[in-house]
Amino acid sequence: MSSRERILGRVRRALADVPRDDSPYEDAVGREYLREHGDRSVAETVELLAENLADYRAVVHRTDEEGLPLLIMRLLAQRGPRYVLVPPGLPPAWMSAADPTRVHDRAVSTSHELDEVESVVTGCALAVAETGTIVLDGSPDQGRRRITLVPDHHICVVRVPDQVVASVPQALERLDPARPLTWISGPSATSDIELDRVEGVHGPRTLEVILVG
């Protein structure tokens, strides 16, 4: 008998005297929570997103489609990376003005090779205003999860207002649970027992979010 079978057997024995509930899952689980906290306009929702992103120490920028390539060029120039990682489906226009050598997301890339790349530029699946969260789902403009965890600097583009939702429940309705979802609330950070904050332990030290609209 495998460990899995032993554990499942213990669960079944523990539930043997529990009455069977034939209620559908949708009825058995309460959904009384608020889908959104407050009544905000689209502009107010975007402002809340920007405020919460900044509260999590992300750096927030705003531009339009025309100004996006120049802004990405300027942000990369400020960091001075030799290499910038780009996912396969990133719109070519976004990087049209950037100077660093582009490294493409490849399945054969090793962690050592990724560690040599200082910056990564991606799109996103959604952004959640109430929690200041960016969601990636591995789409072509975002690439594999690892490319946003290893480089030290992540530039993430959010299309406003199409990719902005107010709350987590609204985000879940639009996301595919079968995809590899990564939820990012500010730069990677952790604290030790003395509450000394360290950034960049399991992700980029610097997260720059560009709101394009």
N, C-alpha and C. Protein backbone atom coordinates (compact mmCIF):
# COMPACT_ATOMS: atom_id res chain seq x y z
N MET A 1 0.85 -1.20 0.00
CA MET A 1 0.00 0.00 0.00
C MET A 1 0.89 1.25 0.00
N SER A 2 0.57 2.19 -0.88
CA SER A 2 1.37 3.41 -0.97
C SER A 2 0.98 4.40 0.12
N SER A 3 1.83 5.40 0.29
CA SER A 3 1.53 6.45 1.28
C SER A 3 0.24 7.16 0.93
N ARG A 4 0.02 7.38 -0.35
CA ARG A 4 -1.22 8.05 -0.79
C ARG A 4 -2.43 7.24 -0.39
N GLU A 5 -2.39 5.93 -0.61
CA GLU A 5 -3.53 5.09 -0.27
C GLU A 5 -3.77 5.05 1.24
N ARG A 6 -2.68 5.04 2.03
CA ARG A 6 -2.84 5.05 3.49
C ARG A 6 -3.50 6.33 3.96
N ILE A 7 -3.06 7.47 3.40
CA ILE A 7 -3.64 8.76 3.82
C ILE A 7 -5.11 8.84 3.43
N LEU A 8 -5.43 8.45 2.20
CA LEU A 8 -6.83 8.48 1.77
C LEU A 8 -7.68 7.53 2.60
N GLY A 9 -7.12 6.40 2.99
CA GLY A 9 -7.86 5.47 3.84
C GLY A 9 -8.19 6.08 5.19
N ARG A 10 -7.24 6.81 5.78
CA ARG A 10 -7.49 7.48 7.05
C ARG A 10 -8.56 8.55 6.91
N VAL A 11 -8.53 9.28 5.80
CA VAL A 11 -9.56 10.31 5.56
C VAL A 11 -10.94 9.67 5.45
N ARG A 12 -11.04 8.57 4.72
CA ARG A 12 -12.34 7.90 4.56
C ARG A 12 -12.85 7.38 5.89
N ARG A 13 -11.98 6.81 6.71
CA ARG A 13 -12.41 6.30 8.01
C ARG A 13 -12.86 7.44 8.91
N ALA A 14 -12.16 8.57 8.84
CA ALA A 14 -12.54 9.72 9.67
C ALA A 14 -13.88 10.30 9.27
N LEU A 15 -14.24 10.14 7.99
CA LEU A 15 -15.50 10.71 7.48
C LEU A 15 -16.63 9.69 7.44
N ALA A 16 -16.38 8.49 7.97
CA ALA A 16 -17.37 7.42 7.84
C ALA A 16 -18.70 7.76 8.50
N ASP A 17 -18.66 8.48 9.63
CA ASP A 17 -19.90 8.78 10.34
C ASP A 17 -20.45 10.18 10.03
N VAL A 18 -19.88 10.85 9.04
CA VAL A 18 -20.36 12.18 8.65
C VAL A 18 -21.50 12.01 7.64
N PRO A 19 -22.67 12.62 7.91
CA PRO A 19 -23.81 12.49 6.98
C PRO A 19 -23.43 13.01 5.59
N ARG A 20 -23.91 12.32 4.59
CA ARG A 20 -23.62 12.72 3.22
C ARG A 20 -24.42 13.97 2.88
N ASP A 21 -23.77 14.91 2.25
CA ASP A 21 -24.42 16.15 1.81
C ASP A 21 -24.52 16.11 0.29
N ASP A 22 -25.73 16.02 -0.21
CA ASP A 22 -25.94 15.93 -1.65
C ASP A 22 -26.11 17.29 -2.31
N SER A 23 -25.91 18.36 -1.54
CA SER A 23 -26.07 19.70 -2.11
C SER A 23 -24.97 19.96 -3.13
N PRO A 24 -25.30 20.59 -4.25
CA PRO A 24 -24.24 20.96 -5.22
C PRO A 24 -23.23 21.88 -4.56
N TYR A 25 -22.01 21.83 -5.04
CA TYR A 25 -20.93 22.62 -4.46
C TYR A 25 -21.29 24.10 -4.46
N GLU A 26 -21.91 24.57 -5.53
CA GLU A 26 -22.25 25.99 -5.64
C GLU A 26 -23.23 26.41 -4.54
N ASP A 27 -24.09 25.47 -4.08
CA ASP A 27 -25.04 25.79 -3.02
C ASP A 27 -24.45 25.54 -1.63
N ALA A 28 -23.55 24.57 -1.53
CA ALA A 28 -23.01 24.19 -0.23
C ALA A 28 -22.03 25.23 0.32
N VAL A 29 -21.35 25.93 -0.59
CA VAL A 29 -20.37 26.93 -0.17
C VAL A 29 -21.00 28.32 -0.25
N GLY A 30 -20.98 29.02 0.88
CA GLY A 30 -21.59 30.34 0.94
C GLY A 30 -20.88 31.36 0.06
N ARG A 31 -21.66 32.22 -0.59
CA ARG A 31 -21.09 33.26 -1.45
C ARG A 31 -21.62 34.63 -1.04
N GLU A 32 -21.73 34.83 0.30
CA GLU A 32 -22.34 36.08 0.77
C GLU A 32 -21.35 37.24 0.81
N TYR A 33 -20.07 36.96 0.55
CA TYR A 33 -19.08 38.02 0.66
C TYR A 33 -19.27 39.05 -0.47
N LEU A 34 -18.79 40.25 -0.22
CA LEU A 34 -18.91 41.31 -1.21
C LEU A 34 -18.01 41.03 -2.40
N ARG A 35 -18.51 41.25 -3.59
CA ARG A 35 -17.69 41.08 -4.79
C ARG A 35 -16.79 42.29 -5.03
N GLU A 36 -17.14 43.40 -4.41
CA GLU A 36 -16.36 44.63 -4.54
C GLU A 36 -16.66 45.50 -3.34
N HIS A 37 -15.62 46.13 -2.80
CA HIS A 37 -15.79 46.95 -1.60
C HIS A 37 -15.88 48.42 -2.01
N GLY A 38 -17.10 48.93 -2.07
CA GLY A 38 -17.32 50.31 -2.46
C GLY A 38 -17.79 50.42 -3.90
N ASP A 39 -18.31 51.58 -4.21
CA ASP A 39 -18.82 51.85 -5.56
C ASP A 39 -17.91 52.87 -6.22
N ARG A 40 -17.00 52.38 -7.07
CA ARG A 40 -16.00 53.24 -7.68
C ARG A 40 -16.18 53.31 -9.19
N SER A 41 -15.83 54.43 -9.76
CA SER A 41 -15.80 54.55 -11.21
C SER A 41 -14.55 53.83 -11.74
N VAL A 42 -14.46 53.71 -13.06
CA VAL A 42 -13.29 53.08 -13.66
C VAL A 42 -12.02 53.85 -13.30
N ALA A 43 -12.10 55.17 -13.40
CA ALA A 43 -10.93 56.00 -13.09
C ALA A 43 -10.51 55.83 -11.63
N GLU A 44 -11.49 55.76 -10.73
CA GLU A 44 -11.19 55.59 -9.30
C GLU A 44 -10.58 54.21 -9.03
N THR A 45 -11.04 53.21 -9.76
CA THR A 45 -10.47 51.86 -9.60
C THR A 45 -9.02 51.84 -10.03
N VAL A 46 -8.72 52.50 -11.14
CA VAL A 46 -7.33 52.57 -11.61
C VAL A 46 -6.46 53.33 -10.61
N GLU A 47 -6.99 54.41 -10.04
CA GLU A 47 -6.23 55.17 -9.04
C GLU A 47 -5.96 54.32 -7.81
N LEU A 48 -6.94 53.50 -7.41
CA LEU A 48 -6.75 52.63 -6.26
C LEU A 48 -5.66 51.60 -6.55
N LEU A 49 -5.66 51.06 -7.77
CA LEU A 49 -4.61 50.13 -8.16
C LEU A 49 -3.24 50.78 -8.04
N ALA A 50 -3.09 51.97 -8.60
CA ALA A 50 -1.80 52.67 -8.55
C ALA A 50 -1.38 52.94 -7.11
N GLU A 51 -2.33 53.31 -6.27
CA GLU A 51 -2.03 53.61 -4.87
C GLU A 51 -1.54 52.36 -4.14
N ASN A 52 -2.23 51.23 -4.35
CA ASN A 52 -1.86 50.01 -3.64
C ASN A 52 -0.57 49.41 -4.17
N LEU A 53 -0.32 49.53 -5.48
CA LEU A 53 0.95 49.09 -6.03
C LEU A 53 2.11 49.86 -5.38
N ALA A 54 1.94 51.17 -5.28
CA ALA A 54 2.98 52.00 -4.67
C ALA A 54 3.16 51.66 -3.20
N ASP A 55 2.05 51.33 -2.52
CA ASP A 55 2.12 50.97 -1.11
C ASP A 55 2.93 49.69 -0.91
N TYR A 56 2.94 48.82 -1.91
CA TYR A 56 3.74 47.60 -1.86
C TYR A 56 5.16 47.81 -2.40
N ARG A 57 5.55 49.07 -2.61
CA ARG A 57 6.89 49.44 -3.06
C ARG A 57 7.14 49.12 -4.53
N ALA A 58 6.09 48.91 -5.29
CA ALA A 58 6.27 48.86 -6.74
C ALA A 58 6.36 50.30 -7.25
N VAL A 59 7.05 50.48 -8.37
CA VAL A 59 7.18 51.80 -8.97
C VAL A 59 6.17 51.88 -10.11
N VAL A 60 5.28 52.86 -10.05
CA VAL A 60 4.17 52.95 -11.00
C VAL A 60 4.44 54.07 -12.00
N HIS A 61 4.24 53.76 -13.29
CA HIS A 61 4.38 54.74 -14.37
C HIS A 61 3.09 54.75 -15.19
N ARG A 62 2.85 55.87 -15.86
CA ARG A 62 1.66 55.99 -16.71
C ARG A 62 2.08 56.52 -18.08
N THR A 63 1.47 55.97 -19.12
CA THR A 63 1.74 56.44 -20.46
C THR A 63 0.62 55.98 -21.38
N ASP A 64 0.75 56.31 -22.67
CA ASP A 64 -0.19 55.79 -23.66
C ASP A 64 0.57 54.85 -24.60
N GLU A 65 -0.15 54.27 -25.56
CA GLU A 65 0.47 53.30 -26.46
C GLU A 65 1.66 53.91 -27.22
N GLU A 66 1.50 55.16 -27.62
CA GLU A 66 2.55 55.81 -28.39
C GLU A 66 3.81 56.03 -27.56
N GLY A 67 3.61 56.35 -26.28
CA GLY A 67 4.76 56.65 -25.43
C GLY A 67 5.38 55.43 -24.76
N LEU A 68 4.73 54.26 -24.90
CA LEU A 68 5.21 53.07 -24.20
C LEU A 68 6.63 52.66 -24.60
N PRO A 69 6.98 52.56 -25.89
CA PRO A 69 8.36 52.14 -26.24
C PRO A 69 9.42 53.07 -25.66
N LEU A 70 9.17 54.36 -25.68
CA LEU A 70 10.16 55.31 -25.15
C LEU A 70 10.28 55.19 -23.63
N LEU A 71 9.15 54.93 -22.96
CA LEU A 71 9.21 54.77 -21.51
C LEU A 71 9.99 53.51 -21.14
N ILE A 72 9.73 52.40 -21.83
CA ILE A 72 10.48 51.18 -21.56
C ILE A 72 11.97 51.40 -21.81
N MET A 73 12.30 52.13 -22.90
CA MET A 73 13.70 52.44 -23.19
C MET A 73 14.32 53.22 -22.04
N ARG A 74 13.59 54.22 -21.53
CA ARG A 74 14.13 55.05 -20.45
C ARG A 74 14.32 54.25 -19.16
N LEU A 75 13.36 53.38 -18.83
CA LEU A 75 13.47 52.59 -17.60
C LEU A 75 14.64 51.61 -17.68
N LEU A 76 14.84 51.02 -18.85
CA LEU A 76 15.97 50.11 -19.00
C LEU A 76 17.30 50.87 -18.98
N ALA A 77 17.31 52.05 -19.59
CA ALA A 77 18.54 52.85 -19.60
C ALA A 77 18.95 53.25 -18.18
N GLN A 78 17.96 53.51 -17.32
CA GLN A 78 18.26 53.88 -15.94
C GLN A 78 18.89 52.72 -15.17
N ARG A 79 18.48 51.49 -15.50
CA ARG A 79 19.05 50.31 -14.84
C ARG A 79 20.37 49.90 -15.47
N GLY A 80 20.50 50.15 -16.78
CA GLY A 80 21.73 49.80 -17.48
C GLY A 80 22.00 48.32 -17.64
N PRO A 81 20.99 47.48 -17.92
CA PRO A 81 21.27 46.05 -18.07
C PRO A 81 21.95 45.75 -19.41
N ARG A 82 22.80 44.73 -19.42
CA ARG A 82 23.38 44.28 -20.68
C ARG A 82 22.37 43.46 -21.47
N TYR A 83 21.54 42.70 -20.73
CA TYR A 83 20.58 41.81 -21.37
C TYR A 83 19.19 42.06 -20.78
N VAL A 84 18.17 41.92 -21.61
CA VAL A 84 16.79 42.01 -21.15
C VAL A 84 16.04 40.80 -21.70
N LEU A 85 15.31 40.12 -20.83
CA LEU A 85 14.59 38.91 -21.20
C LEU A 85 13.21 39.28 -21.73
N VAL A 86 12.81 38.70 -22.85
CA VAL A 86 11.50 39.00 -23.43
C VAL A 86 10.77 37.69 -23.72
N PRO A 87 9.48 37.58 -23.37
CA PRO A 87 8.70 36.39 -23.71
C PRO A 87 8.40 36.37 -25.20
N PRO A 88 8.03 35.22 -25.75
CA PRO A 88 7.88 35.09 -27.21
C PRO A 88 6.78 35.93 -27.81
N GLY A 89 5.71 36.19 -27.04
CA GLY A 89 4.59 36.94 -27.59
C GLY A 89 4.54 38.40 -27.21
N LEU A 90 5.65 38.94 -26.73
CA LEU A 90 5.66 40.36 -26.38
C LEU A 90 5.51 41.19 -27.65
N PRO A 91 4.58 42.15 -27.68
CA PRO A 91 4.43 42.97 -28.89
C PRO A 91 5.76 43.62 -29.29
N PRO A 92 6.21 43.44 -30.52
CA PRO A 92 7.52 43.97 -30.94
C PRO A 92 7.67 45.48 -30.73
N ALA A 93 6.58 46.21 -30.85
CA ALA A 93 6.65 47.67 -30.72
C ALA A 93 7.10 48.10 -29.32
N TRP A 94 6.80 47.30 -28.31
CA TRP A 94 7.16 47.67 -26.96
C TRP A 94 8.67 47.84 -26.80
N MET A 95 9.44 47.01 -27.49
CA MET A 95 10.89 47.03 -27.34
C MET A 95 11.59 47.72 -28.51
N SER A 96 10.84 48.41 -29.33
CA SER A 96 11.40 48.97 -30.57
C SER A 96 12.45 50.05 -30.31
N ALA A 97 12.41 50.69 -29.14
CA ALA A 97 13.37 51.76 -28.85
C ALA A 97 14.45 51.34 -27.85
N ALA A 98 14.35 50.11 -27.33
CA ALA A 98 15.26 49.68 -26.27
C ALA A 98 16.61 49.24 -26.85
N ASP A 99 17.69 49.48 -26.10
CA ASP A 99 19.05 49.19 -26.57
C ASP A 99 19.62 47.85 -26.11
N PRO A 100 19.31 47.35 -24.89
CA PRO A 100 20.00 46.14 -24.41
C PRO A 100 19.75 44.94 -25.32
N THR A 101 20.71 44.01 -25.29
CA THR A 101 20.58 42.77 -26.05
C THR A 101 19.40 41.96 -25.50
N ARG A 102 18.54 41.49 -26.39
CA ARG A 102 17.35 40.75 -25.96
C ARG A 102 17.65 39.27 -25.86
N VAL A 103 17.22 38.68 -24.77
CA VAL A 103 17.34 37.24 -24.55
C VAL A 103 15.93 36.67 -24.58
N HIS A 104 15.68 35.69 -25.43
CA HIS A 104 14.34 35.15 -25.57
C HIS A 104 14.11 33.99 -24.59
N ASP A 105 12.88 33.89 -24.14
CA ASP A 105 12.47 32.83 -23.23
C ASP A 105 12.54 31.48 -23.96
N ARG A 106 13.43 30.60 -23.48
CA ARG A 106 13.58 29.28 -24.10
C ARG A 106 13.48 28.20 -23.03
N ALA A 107 12.86 27.08 -23.39
CA ALA A 107 12.69 25.98 -22.43
C ALA A 107 14.04 25.42 -21.98
N VAL A 108 15.05 25.51 -22.85
CA VAL A 108 16.36 24.92 -22.53
C VAL A 108 17.23 25.85 -21.68
N SER A 109 16.79 27.07 -21.44
CA SER A 109 17.60 28.01 -20.65
C SER A 109 17.76 27.49 -19.22
N THR A 110 18.98 27.52 -18.72
CA THR A 110 19.24 27.07 -17.35
C THR A 110 19.06 28.23 -16.37
N SER A 111 18.96 27.88 -15.09
CA SER A 111 18.82 28.93 -14.07
C SER A 111 20.05 29.83 -14.05
N HIS A 112 21.23 29.27 -14.34
CA HIS A 112 22.45 30.09 -14.39
C HIS A 112 22.36 31.11 -15.53
N GLU A 113 21.86 30.68 -16.68
CA GLU A 113 21.72 31.60 -17.82
C GLU A 113 20.72 32.70 -17.50
N LEU A 114 19.63 32.35 -16.84
CA LEU A 114 18.63 33.35 -16.48
C LEU A 114 19.19 34.33 -15.44
N ASP A 115 20.06 33.84 -14.59
CA ASP A 115 20.63 34.70 -13.55
C ASP A 115 21.56 35.75 -14.14
N GLU A 116 22.01 35.53 -15.37
CA GLU A 116 22.87 36.50 -16.04
C GLU A 116 22.05 37.66 -16.61
N VAL A 117 20.73 37.52 -16.67
CA VAL A 117 19.85 38.54 -17.23
C VAL A 117 19.37 39.46 -16.11
N GLU A 118 19.56 40.76 -16.29
CA GLU A 118 19.22 41.70 -15.22
C GLU A 118 17.76 42.12 -15.23
N SER A 119 17.13 42.22 -16.41
CA SER A 119 15.77 42.77 -16.51
C SER A 119 14.89 41.87 -17.36
N VAL A 120 13.59 41.94 -17.11
CA VAL A 120 12.60 41.23 -17.91
C VAL A 120 11.42 42.17 -18.13
N VAL A 121 10.85 42.12 -19.34
CA VAL A 121 9.68 42.93 -19.69
C VAL A 121 8.55 41.99 -20.08
N THR A 122 7.39 42.15 -19.46
CA THR A 122 6.24 41.29 -19.76
C THR A 122 4.95 42.09 -19.78
N GLY A 123 3.91 41.46 -20.31
CA GLY A 123 2.55 41.94 -20.11
C GLY A 123 1.99 41.28 -18.87
N CYS A 124 0.67 41.28 -18.73
CA CYS A 124 0.03 40.61 -17.61
C CYS A 124 -1.33 40.09 -18.03
N ALA A 125 -1.93 39.27 -17.17
CA ALA A 125 -3.29 38.78 -17.43
C ALA A 125 -4.31 39.75 -16.86
N LEU A 126 -4.09 40.17 -15.62
CA LEU A 126 -5.01 41.08 -14.94
C LEU A 126 -4.26 41.84 -13.85
N ALA A 127 -4.89 42.92 -13.38
CA ALA A 127 -4.41 43.63 -12.20
C ALA A 127 -5.60 43.87 -11.28
N VAL A 128 -5.43 43.62 -9.99
CA VAL A 128 -6.51 43.72 -9.01
C VAL A 128 -6.30 44.99 -8.18
N ALA A 129 -7.24 45.91 -8.26
CA ALA A 129 -7.07 47.22 -7.63
C ALA A 129 -7.06 47.14 -6.10
N GLU A 130 -8.01 46.40 -5.53
CA GLU A 130 -8.16 46.40 -4.07
C GLU A 130 -6.96 45.80 -3.34
N THR A 131 -6.22 44.94 -4.00
CA THR A 131 -5.07 44.30 -3.36
C THR A 131 -3.74 44.73 -3.97
N GLY A 132 -3.76 45.56 -5.01
CA GLY A 132 -2.52 45.98 -5.65
C GLY A 132 -1.75 44.81 -6.22
N THR A 133 -2.47 43.88 -6.86
CA THR A 133 -1.88 42.63 -7.32
C THR A 133 -1.84 42.55 -8.84
N ILE A 134 -0.72 42.09 -9.37
CA ILE A 134 -0.58 41.79 -10.79
C ILE A 134 -0.67 40.27 -10.95
N VAL A 135 -1.45 39.80 -11.91
CA VAL A 135 -1.60 38.36 -12.14
C VAL A 135 -1.01 38.01 -13.50
N LEU A 136 -0.11 37.03 -13.51
CA LEU A 136 0.44 36.48 -14.74
C LEU A 136 -0.13 35.08 -14.94
N ASP A 137 -0.39 34.70 -16.19
CA ASP A 137 -0.96 33.36 -16.44
C ASP A 137 -0.18 32.57 -17.48
N GLY A 138 1.05 32.99 -17.77
CA GLY A 138 1.88 32.25 -18.71
C GLY A 138 1.50 32.42 -20.16
N SER A 139 0.70 33.42 -20.49
CA SER A 139 0.35 33.69 -21.89
C SER A 139 1.60 34.12 -22.66
N PRO A 140 1.54 34.13 -24.01
CA PRO A 140 2.73 34.43 -24.80
C PRO A 140 3.41 35.75 -24.48
N ASP A 141 2.65 36.76 -24.04
CA ASP A 141 3.28 38.04 -23.71
C ASP A 141 3.84 38.07 -22.29
N GLN A 142 3.74 36.92 -21.57
CA GLN A 142 4.25 36.85 -20.20
C GLN A 142 5.31 35.77 -20.02
N GLY A 143 5.26 34.74 -20.83
CA GLY A 143 6.27 33.69 -20.78
C GLY A 143 6.15 32.80 -19.56
N ARG A 144 7.15 31.94 -19.39
CA ARG A 144 7.18 31.02 -18.26
C ARG A 144 7.33 31.76 -16.95
N ARG A 145 6.80 31.13 -15.89
CA ARG A 145 6.84 31.75 -14.56
C ARG A 145 8.27 32.10 -14.14
N ARG A 146 9.21 31.24 -14.45
CA ARG A 146 10.58 31.43 -13.95
C ARG A 146 11.24 32.69 -14.49
N ILE A 147 10.82 33.18 -15.66
CA ILE A 147 11.51 34.34 -16.21
C ILE A 147 11.19 35.61 -15.44
N THR A 148 10.11 35.60 -14.64
CA THR A 148 9.79 36.77 -13.81
C THR A 148 10.23 36.58 -12.37
N LEU A 149 10.85 35.44 -12.06
CA LEU A 149 11.31 35.18 -10.69
C LEU A 149 12.82 35.31 -10.54
N VAL A 150 13.57 35.03 -11.62
CA VAL A 150 15.03 35.03 -11.51
C VAL A 150 15.65 36.41 -11.73
N PRO A 151 15.30 37.13 -12.82
CA PRO A 151 15.90 38.46 -13.01
C PRO A 151 15.59 39.42 -11.86
N ASP A 152 16.48 40.37 -11.64
CA ASP A 152 16.37 41.28 -10.49
C ASP A 152 15.39 42.43 -10.74
N HIS A 153 15.01 42.64 -11.99
CA HIS A 153 14.22 43.83 -12.35
C HIS A 153 13.11 43.40 -13.30
N HIS A 154 11.86 43.67 -12.94
CA HIS A 154 10.70 43.26 -13.75
C HIS A 154 9.89 44.49 -14.14
N ILE A 155 9.73 44.70 -15.45
CA ILE A 155 8.83 45.74 -15.96
C ILE A 155 7.58 45.04 -16.46
N CYS A 156 6.44 45.39 -15.90
CA CYS A 156 5.18 44.74 -16.25
C CYS A 156 4.21 45.78 -16.80
N VAL A 157 3.65 45.50 -17.97
CA VAL A 157 2.74 46.43 -18.64
C VAL A 157 1.29 46.01 -18.40
N VAL A 158 0.47 46.95 -17.94
CA VAL A 158 -0.96 46.70 -17.68
C VAL A 158 -1.77 47.62 -18.58
N ARG A 159 -2.65 47.04 -19.36
CA ARG A 159 -3.52 47.83 -20.23
C ARG A 159 -4.72 48.33 -19.43
N VAL A 160 -4.91 49.64 -19.43
CA VAL A 160 -5.97 50.30 -18.66
C VAL A 160 -7.05 50.81 -19.61
N PRO A 161 -8.35 50.52 -19.32
CA PRO A 161 -8.85 49.79 -18.14
C PRO A 161 -9.12 48.32 -18.40
N ASP A 162 -8.82 47.80 -19.59
CA ASP A 162 -9.25 46.45 -19.97
C ASP A 162 -8.74 45.37 -19.02
N GLN A 163 -7.53 45.53 -18.49
CA GLN A 163 -6.94 44.49 -17.66
C GLN A 163 -7.03 44.81 -16.17
N VAL A 164 -7.82 45.78 -15.79
CA VAL A 164 -7.94 46.16 -14.38
C VAL A 164 -9.31 45.76 -13.85
N VAL A 165 -9.32 45.01 -12.75
CA VAL A 165 -10.57 44.68 -12.06
C VAL A 165 -10.49 45.20 -10.64
N ALA A 166 -11.64 45.33 -10.00
CA ALA A 166 -11.66 45.93 -8.67
C ALA A 166 -11.21 44.95 -7.59
N SER A 167 -11.64 43.67 -7.69
CA SER A 167 -11.48 42.76 -6.56
C SER A 167 -11.00 41.38 -7.00
N VAL A 168 -10.60 40.58 -6.03
CA VAL A 168 -10.17 39.21 -6.30
C VAL A 168 -11.30 38.36 -6.86
N PRO A 169 -12.54 38.42 -6.32
CA PRO A 169 -13.62 37.64 -6.92
C PRO A 169 -13.83 37.96 -8.41
N GLN A 170 -13.73 39.23 -8.76
CA GLN A 170 -13.88 39.60 -10.17
C GLN A 170 -12.72 39.05 -11.00
N ALA A 171 -11.53 39.01 -10.43
CA ALA A 171 -10.38 38.47 -11.15
C ALA A 171 -10.55 36.98 -11.40
N LEU A 172 -11.00 36.25 -10.38
CA LEU A 172 -11.15 34.80 -10.51
C LEU A 172 -12.15 34.42 -11.60
N GLU A 173 -13.15 35.26 -11.79
CA GLU A 173 -14.14 34.99 -12.83
C GLU A 173 -13.54 35.09 -14.23
N ARG A 174 -12.47 35.86 -14.37
CA ARG A 174 -11.88 36.08 -15.69
C ARG A 174 -10.64 35.23 -15.95
N LEU A 175 -10.12 34.58 -14.92
CA LEU A 175 -8.89 33.80 -15.06
C LEU A 175 -9.21 32.33 -15.31
N ASP A 176 -8.32 31.66 -16.01
CA ASP A 176 -8.45 30.24 -16.28
C ASP A 176 -7.69 29.48 -15.19
N PRO A 177 -8.38 28.71 -14.32
CA PRO A 177 -7.68 28.02 -13.23
C PRO A 177 -6.73 26.93 -13.70
N ALA A 178 -6.84 26.54 -14.96
CA ALA A 178 -5.95 25.50 -15.48
C ALA A 178 -4.59 26.06 -15.90
N ARG A 179 -4.47 27.39 -15.94
CA ARG A 179 -3.21 28.01 -16.34
C ARG A 179 -2.32 28.23 -15.11
N PRO A 180 -1.00 28.37 -15.31
CA PRO A 180 -0.07 28.59 -14.19
C PRO A 180 -0.13 30.03 -13.71
N LEU A 181 -0.96 30.30 -12.73
CA LEU A 181 -1.18 31.67 -12.28
C LEU A 181 -0.12 32.09 -11.26
N THR A 182 0.43 33.29 -11.47
CA THR A 182 1.36 33.90 -10.52
C THR A 182 0.77 35.22 -10.06
N TRP A 183 0.57 35.36 -8.75
CA TRP A 183 -0.02 36.57 -8.17
C TRP A 183 1.10 37.37 -7.52
N ILE A 184 1.29 38.60 -7.99
CA ILE A 184 2.42 39.43 -7.54
C ILE A 184 1.87 40.69 -6.87
N SER A 185 2.18 40.85 -5.59
CA SER A 185 1.79 42.07 -4.87
C SER A 185 3.07 42.78 -4.43
N GLY A 186 3.64 43.55 -5.33
CA GLY A 186 4.87 44.28 -5.04
C GLY A 186 6.11 43.44 -5.27
N PRO A 187 7.29 44.01 -5.10
CA PRO A 187 8.54 43.26 -5.28
C PRO A 187 8.63 42.11 -4.28
N SER A 188 9.42 41.11 -4.61
CA SER A 188 9.64 40.01 -3.69
C SER A 188 10.25 40.53 -2.39
N ALA A 189 9.71 40.07 -1.25
CA ALA A 189 10.23 40.53 0.03
C ALA A 189 9.92 39.51 1.12
N THR A 190 10.77 39.46 2.11
CA THR A 190 10.53 38.63 3.29
C THR A 190 11.17 39.31 4.49
N SER A 191 10.81 38.87 5.68
CA SER A 191 11.38 39.43 6.91
C SER A 191 11.81 38.30 7.83
N ASP A 192 12.90 38.53 8.56
CA ASP A 192 13.34 37.51 9.51
C ASP A 192 12.62 37.73 10.84
N ILE A 193 13.03 36.99 11.87
CA ILE A 193 12.33 37.04 13.15
C ILE A 193 12.42 38.42 13.80
N GLU A 194 13.44 39.19 13.42
CA GLU A 194 13.58 40.54 13.97
C GLU A 194 12.93 41.58 13.06
N LEU A 195 12.17 41.12 12.06
CA LEU A 195 11.42 41.97 11.14
C LEU A 195 12.32 42.83 10.26
N ASP A 196 13.54 42.35 10.02
CA ASP A 196 14.41 43.02 9.05
C ASP A 196 13.98 42.60 7.66
N ARG A 197 13.54 43.56 6.86
CA ARG A 197 13.00 43.29 5.54
C ARG A 197 14.13 43.08 4.53
N VAL A 198 14.02 42.01 3.76
CA VAL A 198 14.98 41.71 2.70
C VAL A 198 14.20 41.53 1.41
N GLU A 199 14.60 42.25 0.37
CA GLU A 199 13.90 42.17 -0.91
C GLU A 199 14.72 41.37 -1.92
N GLY A 200 14.02 40.66 -2.80
CA GLY A 200 14.67 39.92 -3.85
C GLY A 200 15.03 38.49 -3.49
N VAL A 201 14.46 37.94 -2.43
CA VAL A 201 14.80 36.58 -2.02
C VAL A 201 14.23 35.55 -2.98
N HIS A 202 12.99 35.69 -3.36
CA HIS A 202 12.36 34.73 -4.26
C HIS A 202 11.64 35.43 -5.41
N GLY A 203 12.30 36.43 -5.95
CA GLY A 203 11.74 37.17 -7.07
C GLY A 203 12.50 38.48 -7.24
N PRO A 204 12.06 39.34 -8.16
CA PRO A 204 12.80 40.58 -8.43
C PRO A 204 12.79 41.56 -7.25
N ARG A 205 13.91 42.25 -7.09
CA ARG A 205 13.97 43.29 -6.05
C ARG A 205 13.18 44.53 -6.48
N THR A 206 13.10 44.75 -7.79
CA THR A 206 12.43 45.96 -8.27
C THR A 206 11.32 45.57 -9.25
N LEU A 207 10.11 46.00 -8.95
CA LEU A 207 8.96 45.80 -9.83
C LEU A 207 8.48 47.16 -10.31
N GLU A 208 8.50 47.36 -11.63
CA GLU A 208 8.00 48.60 -12.22
C GLU A 208 6.77 48.25 -13.05
N VAL A 209 5.66 48.92 -12.74
CA VAL A 209 4.38 48.64 -13.42
C VAL A 209 4.03 49.84 -14.28
N ILE A 210 3.79 49.59 -15.54
CA ILE A 210 3.41 50.65 -16.49
C ILE A 210 1.92 50.53 -16.77
N LEU A 211 1.15 51.55 -16.43
CA LEU A 211 -0.28 51.58 -16.74
C LEU A 211 -0.45 52.28 -18.07
N VAL A 212 -0.89 51.55 -19.07
CA VAL A 212 -1.01 52.07 -20.42
C VAL A 212 -2.46 52.29 -20.76
N GLY A 213 -2.84 53.52 -21.07
CA GLY A 213 -4.22 53.78 -21.41
C GLY A 213 -4.41 55.23 -21.83
